[in-house]
Amino acid sequence: MFTKVIDFALDILNKLASDEGNAFRYRLIYGFCFVVHAFYAILFGLVGVTELMIFNIVSTVLYMTGLIAIKNNRFTVVWLYLLSGEIMIHSLMTSIYIGFNYQFTLYALAIIPVTYFISFLDSEIKHPFVISSVLAAINVSTMIGALDISSVKLPVYEDFPLLFETSVMRINLITAVLILVSFSAMFIAKISYDLKVLRESNVTLDRLANYDQLTGLRNRNHIRAIFGEYMDSSEPYCVILGDIDDFKSVNDTYGHNAGDEVLRTVSSIISGSVGDSGVVCRWGGEEILILAKGAHKHCMELNEKILSKIRETVVESGEYNIGITMTFGLCDSDDASDIEKLISLADKRLYIGKNSGKNRIVAQG
């Protein structure tokens, strides 16, 4: 039971925090105000404060109307102004009719952070800081005005027992604190939600910036940042540059969708084979670059394993079954002094392989 309550509360907070949750936030506020004013309409009716009973009945109608209008996402800005105005008038009226000590002015104080929170999240409100600050100043002025009224004029109804005054004051204090705590929780939930969205956006941007969208491999710019790590390491490594054989013919014969499928399949085979022992990059077009950790013999065995898997693969694209091969040029870190020279050497060996029959690995020349 307790877990369900927690899950329900978290679900509400998630709705309140989401970018689409502003109407929900308005409805929550208005629903809360509706309940509070309905309670006081009944209470003031029971104790005979007719003026406040009527005002609270009018307020419940106002908030019910607001709930219906806000549900349809209509005039949310107007309802924010009405909310602040109603609370201010109610604070003044309660001070006039029953006195300041009942602490109805606490609602004028509690609504200030609510106004800032809501207005900044409502795209319809222009200059939210200015508007919220003006409303806050009016709220504070209302509290001071209510205090001044009580200091110079006795309330219209002044014969209520102390117990009644104390009870109402406690209800108002608890309710105001509840408003502040609730909106503090909403504020934290909103920040957490926005940080989550920001992190997800950063991951997406990072992937767009550093990974090839078709194959999922690192792109050329990204792998260049890794070159330094390999050059600075004392461990041996190899540069392997591969090119899909007769790729243009695949596109011309079977279509570009088939070509894309061939690229994705080859990329999956290579990245799966390399795993954590290196990094794989789409170097350009149908060329794939591998930075593989290990000495020449180990890298050669890895390259042979990749070539064998590719030879055995048949790519299905629509009604076509497409056989594929690749040619690779391989060199290790002892073959040249820097990574650019190694890539150039691997590229030279790749084209030696292309010119000598394709579907092979060239590690010399």
Protein backbone atom coordinates (compact mmCIF):
# COMPACT_ATOMS: atom_id res chain seq x y z
CA MET A 1 0.00 0.00 0.00
CA PHE A 2 2.78 2.41 0.99
CA THR A 3 4.70 1.59 -2.21
CA LYS A 4 1.63 2.36 -4.31
CA VAL A 5 1.26 5.73 -2.59
CA ILE A 6 4.93 6.54 -3.28
CA ASP A 7 4.58 5.47 -6.92
CA PHE A 8 1.45 7.60 -7.28
CA ALA A 9 3.23 10.62 -5.77
CA LEU A 10 6.25 10.13 -8.05
CA ASP A 11 3.96 9.84 -11.07
CA ILE A 12 2.33 13.16 -10.17
CA LEU A 13 5.74 14.80 -9.68
CA ASN A 14 6.89 13.52 -13.07
CA LYS A 15 3.80 15.02 -14.70
CA LEU A 16 4.37 18.29 -12.89
CA ALA A 17 8.02 18.35 -13.95
CA SER A 18 7.46 17.57 -17.62
CA ASP A 19 7.37 20.31 -20.24
CA GLU A 20 3.77 19.38 -21.02
CA GLY A 21 2.69 19.60 -17.39
CA ASN A 22 1.84 23.29 -17.02
CA ALA A 23 -1.93 22.78 -17.42
CA PHE A 24 -1.65 19.97 -14.87
CA ARG A 25 0.12 22.33 -12.48
CA TYR A 26 -2.67 24.90 -12.84
CA ARG A 27 -5.31 22.22 -12.26
CA LEU A 28 -3.53 21.02 -9.14
CA ILE A 29 -3.41 24.54 -7.69
CA TYR A 30 -7.00 25.28 -8.60
CA GLY A 31 -8.18 21.91 -7.28
CA PHE A 32 -6.41 22.57 -4.00
CA CYS A 33 -7.90 26.08 -3.75
CA PHE A 34 -11.35 24.69 -4.56
CA VAL A 35 -11.13 22.24 -1.64
CA VAL A 36 -9.86 24.89 0.79
CA HIS A 37 -12.55 27.42 -0.11
CA ALA A 38 -15.30 24.78 -0.07
CA PHE A 39 -14.17 23.88 3.46
CA TYR A 40 -14.24 27.52 4.59
CA ALA A 41 -17.58 28.20 2.91
CA ILE A 42 -19.04 25.45 5.08
CA LEU A 43 -17.16 26.56 8.20
CA PHE A 44 -18.12 30.22 7.92
CA GLY A 45 -21.68 29.20 7.19
CA LEU A 46 -21.76 27.14 10.39
CA VAL A 47 -20.36 29.95 12.56
CA GLY A 48 -22.57 32.62 10.96
CA VAL A 49 -20.03 34.77 9.11
CA THR A 50 -22.30 35.26 6.12
CA GLU A 51 -20.07 37.61 4.16
CA LEU A 52 -17.11 35.23 4.20
CA MET A 53 -19.38 32.26 3.51
CA ILE A 54 -20.68 33.99 0.36
CA PHE A 55 -17.18 35.02 -0.71
CA ASN A 56 -15.90 31.45 -0.33
CA ILE A 57 -18.86 30.08 -2.29
CA VAL A 58 -18.07 32.52 -5.09
CA SER A 59 -14.42 31.45 -4.88
CA THR A 60 -15.30 27.75 -5.18
CA VAL A 61 -17.33 28.55 -8.30
CA LEU A 62 -14.39 30.56 -9.66
CA TYR A 63 -11.95 27.71 -9.09
CA MET A 64 -14.35 25.13 -10.53
CA THR A 65 -14.71 27.28 -13.64
CA GLY A 66 -10.93 27.59 -13.78
CA LEU A 67 -10.51 23.82 -13.54
CA ILE A 68 -12.78 23.33 -16.55
CA ALA A 69 -11.12 26.08 -18.60
CA ILE A 70 -7.57 25.02 -17.74
CA LYS A 71 -8.38 21.41 -18.61
CA ASN A 72 -8.93 22.67 -22.13
CA ASN A 73 -5.70 24.74 -21.91
CA ARG A 74 -7.60 28.01 -22.24
CA PHE A 75 -6.59 31.37 -20.74
CA THR A 76 -4.04 29.94 -18.30
CA VAL A 77 -2.44 33.37 -17.84
CA VAL A 78 -5.77 34.93 -16.86
CA TRP A 79 -6.34 32.21 -14.29
CA LEU A 80 -2.94 32.89 -12.72
CA TYR A 81 -3.91 36.54 -12.25
CA LEU A 82 -7.31 35.56 -10.86
CA LEU A 83 -5.65 33.16 -8.43
CA SER A 84 -3.41 35.89 -7.03
CA GLY A 85 -6.21 38.46 -6.97
CA GLU A 86 -8.65 36.16 -5.20
CA ILE A 87 -6.13 35.26 -2.50
CA MET A 88 -5.32 38.93 -1.90
CA ILE A 89 -8.97 39.94 -1.60
CA HIS A 90 -9.67 36.97 0.66
CA SER A 91 -6.78 37.98 2.95
CA LEU A 92 -8.16 41.51 3.28
CA MET A 93 -11.75 40.37 3.83
CA THR A 94 -10.86 37.88 6.55
CA SER A 95 -8.87 40.57 8.35
CA ILE A 96 -11.85 42.94 8.17
CA TYR A 97 -14.48 40.43 9.29
CA ILE A 98 -12.68 38.14 11.79
CA GLY A 99 -9.25 39.69 12.33
CA PHE A 100 -5.58 39.24 11.38
CA ASN A 101 -4.83 36.57 14.01
CA TYR A 102 -6.46 33.81 11.94
CA GLN A 103 -3.45 34.07 9.58
CA PHE A 104 -5.30 33.92 6.28
CA THR A 105 -2.60 36.26 5.00
CA LEU A 106 -0.22 33.27 5.01
CA TYR A 107 -1.81 32.25 1.70
CA ALA A 108 -0.70 35.56 0.16
CA LEU A 109 2.83 34.71 1.30
CA ALA A 110 2.71 31.07 0.17
CA ILE A 111 1.44 31.99 -3.30
CA ILE A 112 4.56 34.07 -4.10
CA PRO A 113 6.91 31.13 -4.96
CA VAL A 114 3.99 29.41 -6.70
CA THR A 115 3.55 32.45 -8.93
CA TYR A 116 7.24 32.54 -9.84
CA PHE A 117 7.32 28.80 -10.51
CA ILE A 118 4.20 28.72 -12.66
CA SER A 119 4.87 31.89 -14.63
CA PHE A 120 8.38 30.85 -15.63
CA LEU A 121 7.04 27.57 -17.01
CA ASP A 122 4.12 29.11 -18.90
CA SER A 123 5.15 30.03 -22.43
CA GLU A 124 2.12 32.34 -22.73
CA ILE A 125 3.49 34.67 -20.07
CA LYS A 126 5.86 37.31 -21.36
CA HIS A 127 8.37 38.83 -18.91
CA PRO A 128 7.59 36.27 -16.16
CA PHE A 129 10.10 37.73 -13.68
CA VAL A 130 8.60 41.20 -13.92
CA ILE A 131 5.03 39.95 -13.64
CA SER A 132 5.83 37.61 -10.74
CA SER A 133 7.73 40.36 -8.92
CA VAL A 134 4.83 42.78 -9.30
CA LEU A 135 2.39 40.16 -8.00
CA ALA A 136 4.77 39.39 -5.10
CA ALA A 137 4.97 43.08 -4.19
CA ILE A 138 1.16 43.33 -4.26
CA ASN A 139 0.89 40.22 -2.09
CA VAL A 140 3.28 41.65 0.49
CA SER A 141 1.43 44.97 0.39
CA THR A 142 -1.82 43.06 0.94
CA MET A 143 -0.37 41.37 4.03
CA ILE A 144 0.79 44.71 5.41
CA GLY A 145 -2.57 46.27 4.57
CA ALA A 146 -4.41 43.44 6.35
CA LEU A 147 -2.22 43.97 9.42
CA ASP A 148 -2.83 47.72 9.36
CA ILE A 149 -6.59 47.19 9.08
CA SER A 150 -6.57 44.93 12.13
CA SER A 151 -4.46 47.39 14.12
CA VAL A 152 -6.82 50.34 13.63
CA LYS A 153 -10.22 48.64 13.40
CA LEU A 154 -11.85 45.85 15.35
CA PRO A 155 -13.14 42.96 13.24
CA VAL A 156 -16.84 42.83 12.42
CA TYR A 157 -17.08 39.44 14.16
CA GLU A 158 -15.00 39.44 17.33
CA ASP A 159 -16.82 37.12 19.71
CA PHE A 160 -15.40 33.75 18.61
CA PRO A 161 -13.78 31.59 21.30
CA LEU A 162 -9.99 31.33 21.43
CA LEU A 163 -10.17 27.64 20.57
CA PHE A 164 -11.84 28.47 17.23
CA GLU A 165 -9.23 31.12 16.45
CA THR A 166 -6.36 28.79 17.36
CA SER A 167 -7.80 25.91 15.32
CA VAL A 168 -8.29 28.02 12.19
CA MET A 169 -4.84 29.53 12.60
CA ARG A 170 -3.30 26.04 12.78
CA ILE A 171 -5.21 24.92 9.69
CA ASN A 172 -3.98 27.94 7.76
CA LEU A 173 -0.41 27.49 8.95
CA ILE A 174 -0.37 23.79 8.03
CA THR A 175 -2.00 24.47 4.66
CA ALA A 176 0.44 27.27 3.80
CA VAL A 177 3.41 25.07 4.76
CA LEU A 178 1.93 22.25 2.68
CA ILE A 179 1.77 24.59 -0.33
CA LEU A 180 5.40 25.64 0.13
CA VAL A 181 6.63 22.06 0.63
CA SER A 182 4.64 20.81 -2.36
CA PHE A 183 6.00 23.46 -4.67
CA SER A 184 9.52 22.96 -3.35
CA ALA A 185 9.12 19.28 -4.30
CA MET A 186 7.79 20.33 -7.71
CA PHE A 187 10.74 22.68 -8.15
CA ILE A 188 13.22 19.90 -7.32
CA ALA A 189 11.35 17.49 -9.61
CA LYS A 190 11.47 20.05 -12.42
CA ILE A 191 15.20 20.60 -12.00
CA SER A 192 15.79 16.83 -11.92
CA TYR A 193 13.66 16.38 -15.03
CA ASP A 194 15.46 19.16 -16.90
CA LEU A 195 18.87 17.76 -15.92
CA LYS A 196 17.77 14.33 -17.15
CA VAL A 197 16.60 15.83 -20.45
CA LEU A 198 19.88 17.77 -20.70
CA ARG A 199 21.94 14.63 -20.10
CA GLU A 200 19.93 12.73 -22.71
CA SER A 201 20.32 15.62 -25.17
CA ASN A 202 24.08 15.67 -24.54
CA VAL A 203 24.27 11.92 -25.20
CA THR A 204 22.29 12.39 -28.41
CA LEU A 205 24.45 15.32 -29.51
CA ASP A 206 27.60 13.38 -28.64
CA ARG A 207 26.39 10.47 -30.74
CA LEU A 208 25.48 12.75 -33.64
CA ALA A 209 28.87 14.46 -33.44
CA ASN A 210 31.04 11.40 -32.92
CA TYR A 211 29.28 8.44 -34.50
CA ASP A 212 28.23 7.57 -38.02
CA GLN A 213 24.45 7.41 -38.16
CA LEU A 214 24.24 4.61 -40.73
CA THR A 215 26.68 2.11 -39.25
CA GLY A 216 26.86 3.17 -35.61
CA LEU A 217 30.67 3.24 -35.85
CA ARG A 218 32.77 6.16 -34.71
CA ASN A 219 33.21 8.80 -37.36
CA ARG A 220 36.46 10.13 -38.75
CA ASN A 221 36.58 13.21 -36.52
CA HIS A 222 35.98 11.19 -33.37
CA ILE A 223 38.67 8.59 -33.97
CA ARG A 224 41.28 11.29 -34.57
CA ALA A 225 40.92 12.23 -30.90
CA ILE A 226 41.88 8.65 -30.01
CA PHE A 227 45.03 8.61 -32.14
CA GLY A 228 46.98 10.40 -29.43
CA GLU A 229 46.12 7.78 -26.83
CA TYR A 230 47.57 5.04 -29.04
CA MET A 231 50.67 7.07 -29.94
CA ASP A 232 51.37 7.95 -26.29
CA SER A 233 51.00 4.34 -25.19
CA SER A 234 54.03 2.09 -24.97
CA GLU A 235 51.89 -0.85 -26.08
CA PRO A 236 52.08 -2.01 -29.70
CA TYR A 237 49.13 -1.45 -31.99
CA CYS A 238 48.12 -1.80 -35.62
CA VAL A 239 46.29 0.31 -38.14
CA ILE A 240 44.01 -1.66 -40.43
CA LEU A 241 42.22 0.03 -43.30
CA GLY A 242 39.53 -1.98 -45.10
CA ASP A 243 37.42 -1.31 -48.17
CA ILE A 244 34.36 -3.26 -49.33
CA ASP A 245 35.08 -4.79 -52.69
CA ASP A 246 33.02 -3.63 -55.69
CA PHE A 247 30.75 -1.56 -53.48
CA LYS A 248 29.74 0.74 -56.33
CA SER A 249 28.60 -2.32 -58.24
CA VAL A 250 26.44 -3.37 -55.26
CA ASN A 251 24.73 0.04 -55.26
CA ASP A 252 24.29 0.06 -59.04
CA THR A 253 22.99 -3.52 -59.21
CA TYR A 254 20.87 -3.84 -56.08
CA GLY A 255 20.17 -0.23 -55.09
CA HIS A 256 21.39 2.08 -52.35
CA ASN A 257 19.24 0.42 -49.68
CA ALA A 258 21.10 -2.82 -50.35
CA GLY A 259 24.39 -0.92 -50.19
CA ASP A 260 23.42 0.54 -46.82
CA GLU A 261 22.55 -2.94 -45.54
CA VAL A 262 25.93 -4.26 -46.70
CA LEU A 263 27.67 -1.41 -44.85
CA ARG A 264 25.70 -2.05 -41.67
CA THR A 265 26.41 -5.79 -41.83
CA VAL A 266 30.14 -5.37 -42.41
CA SER A 267 30.35 -2.76 -39.64
CA SER A 268 28.59 -5.10 -37.21
CA ILE A 269 30.94 -7.97 -38.05
CA ILE A 270 34.04 -5.83 -37.61
CA SER A 271 32.99 -4.05 -34.41
CA GLY A 272 31.83 -7.35 -32.91
CA SER A 273 35.14 -9.01 -33.75
CA VAL A 274 37.31 -6.17 -32.47
CA GLY A 275 35.32 -5.68 -29.24
CA ASP A 276 37.37 -4.04 -26.49
CA SER A 277 40.71 -4.78 -28.16
CA GLY A 278 40.49 -1.69 -30.36
CA VAL A 279 38.28 0.94 -31.95
CA VAL A 280 36.48 0.89 -35.28
CA CYS A 281 35.66 3.89 -37.45
CA ARG A 282 33.84 4.53 -40.70
CA TRP A 283 36.69 6.29 -42.41
CA GLY A 284 34.72 7.40 -45.43
CA GLY A 285 32.33 5.88 -47.94
CA GLU A 286 32.84 2.11 -47.79
CA GLU A 287 36.20 2.36 -46.01
CA ILE A 288 36.54 1.23 -42.41
CA LEU A 289 39.52 1.96 -40.18
CA ILE A 290 40.51 -0.23 -37.24
CA LEU A 291 42.93 0.72 -34.47
CA ALA A 292 43.76 -2.63 -32.91
CA LYS A 293 45.80 -3.19 -29.77
CA GLY A 294 48.54 -5.77 -29.96
CA ALA A 295 51.58 -6.80 -31.93
CA HIS A 296 51.62 -7.62 -35.64
CA LYS A 297 50.87 -11.34 -35.24
CA HIS A 298 47.84 -10.73 -32.99
CA CYS A 299 46.41 -8.04 -35.29
CA MET A 300 46.95 -10.21 -38.34
CA GLU A 301 45.01 -13.06 -36.71
CA LEU A 302 42.21 -10.63 -35.82
CA ASN A 303 42.12 -9.31 -39.39
CA GLU A 304 42.02 -12.84 -40.83
CA LYS A 305 39.14 -13.69 -38.51
CA ILE A 306 37.23 -10.60 -39.71
CA LEU A 307 37.91 -11.37 -43.38
CA SER A 308 36.79 -14.98 -42.92
CA LYS A 309 33.49 -13.91 -41.33
CA ILE A 310 32.83 -11.41 -44.10
CA ARG A 311 33.50 -14.01 -46.79
CA GLU A 312 30.97 -16.34 -45.15
CA THR A 313 28.28 -13.66 -44.87
CA VAL A 314 25.39 -13.29 -47.24
CA VAL A 315 23.45 -10.05 -46.93
CA GLU A 316 19.72 -10.33 -47.50
CA SER A 317 18.16 -7.23 -49.01
CA GLY A 318 14.65 -7.66 -50.31
CA GLU A 319 14.73 -10.47 -52.85
CA TYR A 320 18.51 -10.35 -53.20
CA ASN A 321 21.19 -12.40 -51.44
CA ILE A 322 24.44 -10.50 -51.73
CA GLY A 323 27.86 -12.00 -51.14
CA ILE A 324 30.55 -9.60 -49.96
CA THR A 325 34.31 -9.46 -49.61
CA MET A 326 36.75 -6.86 -48.34
CA THR A 327 40.33 -5.93 -48.93
CA PHE A 328 42.53 -4.76 -46.06
CA GLY A 329 45.83 -2.98 -45.66
CA LEU A 330 47.56 -3.58 -42.33
CA CYS A 331 50.59 -2.02 -40.69
CA ASP A 332 51.81 -2.00 -37.12
CA SER A 333 53.20 0.75 -34.94
CA ASP A 334 56.80 -0.18 -35.79
CA ASP A 335 56.24 0.56 -39.49
CA ALA A 336 56.05 4.36 -39.15
CA SER A 337 56.76 7.12 -36.66
CA ASP A 338 53.26 8.61 -36.35
CA ILE A 339 49.64 7.71 -36.87
CA GLU A 340 49.17 9.71 -40.08
CA LYS A 341 52.05 7.92 -41.73
CA LEU A 342 50.65 4.59 -40.54
CA ILE A 343 47.25 5.39 -42.07
CA SER A 344 48.92 6.44 -45.30
CA LEU A 345 50.90 3.21 -45.35
CA ALA A 346 47.81 1.11 -44.59
CA ASP A 347 46.00 2.92 -47.42
CA LYS A 348 48.88 2.15 -49.79
CA ARG A 349 48.79 -1.54 -48.84
CA LEU A 350 44.99 -1.59 -49.20
CA TYR A 351 45.27 -0.48 -52.81
CA ILE A 352 48.04 -2.96 -53.48
CA GLY A 353 45.49 -5.56 -52.39
CA LYS A 354 42.83 -4.03 -54.64
CA ASN A 355 45.14 -4.14 -57.63
CA SER A 356 46.23 -7.70 -56.96
CA GLY A 357 42.83 -9.39 -56.88
CA LYS A 358 40.96 -8.00 -53.82
CA ASN A 359 39.46 -10.12 -50.99
CA ARG A 360 42.73 -10.27 -49.09
CA ILE A 361 44.97 -8.70 -46.45
CA VAL A 362 48.17 -6.93 -47.44
CA ALA A 363 50.61 -6.37 -44.58
CA GLN A 364 53.77 -5.58 -46.57
CA GLY A 365 54.77 -3.26 -49.34
